[in-house]
């Protein structure tokens, strides 16, 4: 193999390696940002997103996220209970089958004015 060809192949592989490295770092940063937002919106610490890169801990973290009671919902329920105790009117309960007027609302036949 001529030296020029081996240098060209080496330069191509180096460029490809740099491109893959940059793409990998970008996708890792993107994954951390996504999981950080998900955990934060659920009421957990955003730093729990870093557990997604630990092999067994990522499954445990996803199970907690999927099946656990989110802290944001616990806080919401506490606020609703406080609002209910402070004299807020209770929310209306709507019946399952609403009552619609029976019978025709409009005349059946044509009516002419004379």
C-alpha atoms as a PDB file:
ATOM      1  CA  UNK A   1       0.000   0.000   0.000  1.00  0.00           C
ATOM      2  CA  UNK A   2       1.527   3.357  -0.952  1.00  0.00           C
ATOM      3  CA  UNK A   3       2.142   5.839   1.868  1.00  0.00           C
ATOM      4  CA  UNK A   4      -0.187   8.432   0.341  1.00  0.00           C
ATOM      5  CA  UNK A   5      -3.077   5.978   0.342  1.00  0.00           C
ATOM      6  CA  UNK A   6      -2.477   4.902   3.948  1.00  0.00           C
ATOM      7  CA  UNK A   7      -2.322   8.554   5.029  1.00  0.00           C
ATOM      8  CA  UNK A   8      -5.613   9.230   3.226  1.00  0.00           C
ATOM      9  CA  UNK A   9      -7.231   6.242   4.918  1.00  0.00           C
ATOM     10  CA  UNK A  10      -5.864   7.329   8.292  1.00  0.00           C
ATOM     11  CA  UNK A  11      -7.185  10.869   7.812  1.00  0.00           C
ATOM     12  CA  UNK A  12     -10.592   9.526   6.790  1.00  0.00           C
ATOM     13  CA  UNK A  13     -10.761   7.254   9.827  1.00  0.00           C
ATOM     14  CA  UNK A  14      -9.673  10.076  12.132  1.00  0.00           C
ATOM     15  CA  UNK A  15     -12.357  12.364  10.709  1.00  0.00           C
ATOM     16  CA  UNK A  16     -14.945   9.618  11.067  1.00  0.00           C
ATOM     17  CA  UNK A  17     -13.836   8.951  14.669  1.00  0.00           C
ATOM     18  CA  UNK A  18     -14.077  12.644  15.573  1.00  0.00           C
ATOM     19  CA  UNK A  19     -17.544  12.830  13.995  1.00  0.00           C
ATOM     20  CA  UNK A  20     -18.756   9.756  15.919  1.00  0.00           C
ATOM     21  CA  UNK A  21     -17.297  11.120  19.176  1.00  0.00           C
ATOM     22  CA  UNK A  22     -19.054  14.480  18.761  1.00  0.00           C
ATOM     23  CA  UNK A  23     -22.311  12.763  17.827  1.00  0.00           C
ATOM     24  CA  UNK A  24     -22.064  10.463  20.870  1.00  0.00           C
ATOM     25  CA  UNK A  25     -21.415  13.344  23.271  1.00  0.00           C
ATOM     26  CA  UNK A  26     -24.307  15.318  21.780  1.00  0.00           C
ATOM     27  CA  UNK A  27     -26.719  12.392  22.144  1.00  0.00           C
ATOM     28  CA  UNK A  28     -25.619  11.780  25.759  1.00  0.00           C
ATOM     29  CA  UNK A  29     -26.159  15.445  26.621  1.00  0.00           C
ATOM     30  CA  UNK A  30     -29.549  15.360  24.879  1.00  0.00           C
ATOM     31  CA  UNK A  31     -30.580  12.245  26.849  1.00  0.00           C
ATOM     32  CA  UNK A  32     -29.537  13.844  30.147  1.00  0.00           C
ATOM     33  CA  UNK A  33     -31.577  16.969  29.335  1.00  0.00           C
ATOM     34  CA  UNK A  34     -34.646  14.901  28.419  1.00  0.00           C
ATOM     35  CA  UNK A  35     -34.511  12.710  31.517  1.00  0.00           C
ATOM     36  CA  UNK A  36     -33.734  15.747  33.717  1.00  0.00           C
ATOM     37  CA  UNK A  37     -36.946  17.422  32.483  1.00  0.00           C
ATOM     38  CA  UNK A  38     -39.014  14.271  32.957  1.00  0.00           C
ATOM     39  CA  UNK A  39     -37.837  13.704  36.527  1.00  0.00           C
ATOM     40  CA  UNK A  40     -38.228  17.405  37.364  1.00  0.00           C
ATOM     41  CA  UNK A  41     -41.802  17.533  36.045  1.00  0.00           C
ATOM     42  CA  UNK A  42     -42.645  14.464  38.100  1.00  0.00           C
ATOM     43  CA  UNK A  43     -41.402  16.220  41.227  1.00  0.00           C
ATOM     44  CA  UNK A  44     -38.177  14.282  41.664  1.00  0.00           C
ATOM     45  CA  UNK A  45     -34.694  15.740  41.628  1.00  0.00           C
ATOM     46  CA  UNK A  46     -33.434  16.253  38.106  1.00  0.00           C
ATOM     47  CA  UNK A  47     -30.153  14.661  39.149  1.00  0.00           C
ATOM     48  CA  UNK A  48     -31.957  11.308  39.114  1.00  0.00           C
ATOM     49  CA  UNK A  49     -31.555  11.510  35.343  1.00  0.00           C
ATOM     50  CA  UNK A  50     -27.919  10.555  35.826  1.00  0.00           C
ATOM     51  CA  UNK A  51     -29.099   7.171  37.112  1.00  0.00           C
ATOM     52  CA  UNK A  52     -30.196   6.385  33.567  1.00  0.00           C
ATOM     53  CA  UNK A  53     -26.542   5.673  32.731  1.00  0.00           C
ATOM     54  CA  UNK A  54     -26.059   3.128  35.536  1.00  0.00           C
ATOM     55  CA  UNK A  55     -27.047  -0.324  34.232  1.00  0.00           C
ATOM     56  CA  UNK A  56     -29.358  -1.685  36.976  1.00  0.00           C
ATOM     57  CA  UNK A  57     -30.274   1.662  38.492  1.00  0.00           C
ATOM     58  CA  UNK A  58     -31.854   2.838  35.243  1.00  0.00           C
ATOM     59  CA  UNK A  59     -34.445   0.051  35.397  1.00  0.00           C
ATOM     60  CA  UNK A  60     -35.156   0.816  39.056  1.00  0.00           C
ATOM     61  CA  UNK A  61     -35.467   4.546  38.313  1.00  0.00           C
ATOM     62  CA  UNK A  62     -37.900   3.907  35.445  1.00  0.00           C
ATOM     63  CA  UNK A  63     -39.980   1.585  37.655  1.00  0.00           C
ATOM     64  CA  UNK A  64     -40.135   4.264  40.361  1.00  0.00           C
ATOM     65  CA  UNK A  65     -41.148   6.801  37.743  1.00  0.00           C
ATOM     66  CA  UNK A  66     -43.764   4.526  36.201  1.00  0.00           C
ATOM     67  CA  UNK A  67     -45.326   2.888  39.250  1.00  0.00           C
ATOM     68  CA  UNK A  68     -44.540   5.168  42.183  1.00  0.00           C
ATOM     69  CA  UNK A  69     -46.610   8.055  43.476  1.00  0.00           C
ATOM     70  CA  UNK A  70     -45.064  11.219  42.118  1.00  0.00           C
ATOM     71  CA  UNK A  71     -44.200  13.924  44.651  1.00  0.00           C
ATOM     72  CA  UNK A  72     -45.929  16.515  42.474  1.00  0.00           C
ATOM     73  CA  UNK A  73     -49.225  14.622  42.831  1.00  0.00           C
ATOM     74  CA  UNK A  74     -48.773  14.291  46.588  1.00  0.00           C
ATOM     75  CA  UNK A  75     -48.286  18.052  46.824  1.00  0.00           C
ATOM     76  CA  UNK A  76     -51.303  18.654  44.573  1.00  0.00           C
ATOM     77  CA  UNK A  77     -53.501  16.443  46.760  1.00  0.00           C
ATOM     78  CA  UNK A  78     -52.344  18.276  49.896  1.00  0.00           C
ATOM     79  CA  UNK A  79     -53.148  21.632  48.309  1.00  0.00           C
ATOM     80  CA  UNK A  80     -56.570  20.400  47.227  1.00  0.00           C
ATOM     81  CA  UNK A  81     -57.294  19.181  50.764  1.00  0.00           C
ATOM     82  CA  UNK A  82     -56.257  22.548  52.212  1.00  0.00           C
ATOM     83  CA  UNK A  83     -58.429  24.363  49.702  1.00  0.00           C
ATOM     84  CA  UNK A  84     -61.347  22.088  50.586  1.00  0.00           C
ATOM     85  CA  UNK A  85     -60.951  22.844  54.302  1.00  0.00           C
ATOM     86  CA  UNK A  86     -60.678  26.587  53.814  1.00  0.00           C
ATOM     87  CA  UNK A  87     -64.276  26.994  52.717  1.00  0.00           C
ATOM     88  CA  UNK A  88     -63.969  26.637  48.986  1.00  0.00           C
ATOM     89  CA  UNK A  89     -67.234  25.458  47.460  1.00  0.00           C
ATOM     90  CA  UNK A  90     -67.183  21.771  46.574  1.00  0.00           C
ATOM     91  CA  UNK A  91     -66.900  20.886  42.942  1.00  0.00           C
ATOM     92  CA  UNK A  92     -70.157  20.034  41.219  1.00  0.00           C
ATOM     93  CA  UNK A  93     -70.953  16.422  40.704  1.00  0.00           C
ATOM     94  CA  UNK A  94     -72.433  15.756  37.306  1.00  0.00           C
ATOM     95  CA  UNK A  95     -74.803  12.885  36.783  1.00  0.00           C
ATOM     96  CA  UNK A  96     -73.799  10.050  34.520  1.00  0.00           C
ATOM     97  CA  UNK A  97     -76.943  10.300  32.393  1.00  0.00           C
ATOM     98  CA  UNK A  98     -77.966  13.921  31.831  1.00  0.00           C
ATOM     99  CA  UNK A  99     -81.666  14.586  31.500  1.00  0.00           C
ATOM    100  CA  UNK A 100     -82.590  15.869  28.070  1.00  0.00           C
ATOM    101  CA  UNK A 101     -86.017  17.350  27.315  1.00  0.00           C
ATOM    102  CA  UNK A 102     -88.473  14.755  26.148  1.00  0.00           C
ATOM    103  CA  UNK A 103     -90.670  15.240  23.145  1.00  0.00           C
ATOM    104  CA  UNK A 104     -90.298  17.497  20.146  1.00  0.00           C
ATOM    105  CA  UNK A 105     -89.143  21.030  20.650  1.00  0.00           C
ATOM    106  CA  UNK A 106     -90.256  22.219  17.239  1.00  0.00           C
ATOM    107  CA  UNK A 107     -93.616  21.881  15.507  1.00  0.00           C
ATOM    108  CA  UNK A 108     -93.954  18.721  13.450  1.00  0.00           C
ATOM    109  CA  UNK A 109     -95.777  20.025  10.404  1.00  0.00           C
ATOM    110  CA  UNK A 110     -95.278  23.115   8.318  1.00  0.00           C
ATOM    111  CA  UNK A 111     -97.012  26.219   9.600  1.00  0.00           C
ATOM    112  CA  UNK A 112     -98.091  28.902   7.186  1.00  0.00           C
ATOM    113  CA  UNK A 113     -99.005  32.439   8.050  1.00  0.00           C
ATOM    114  CA  UNK A 114    -101.968  33.932   6.363  1.00  0.00           C
END
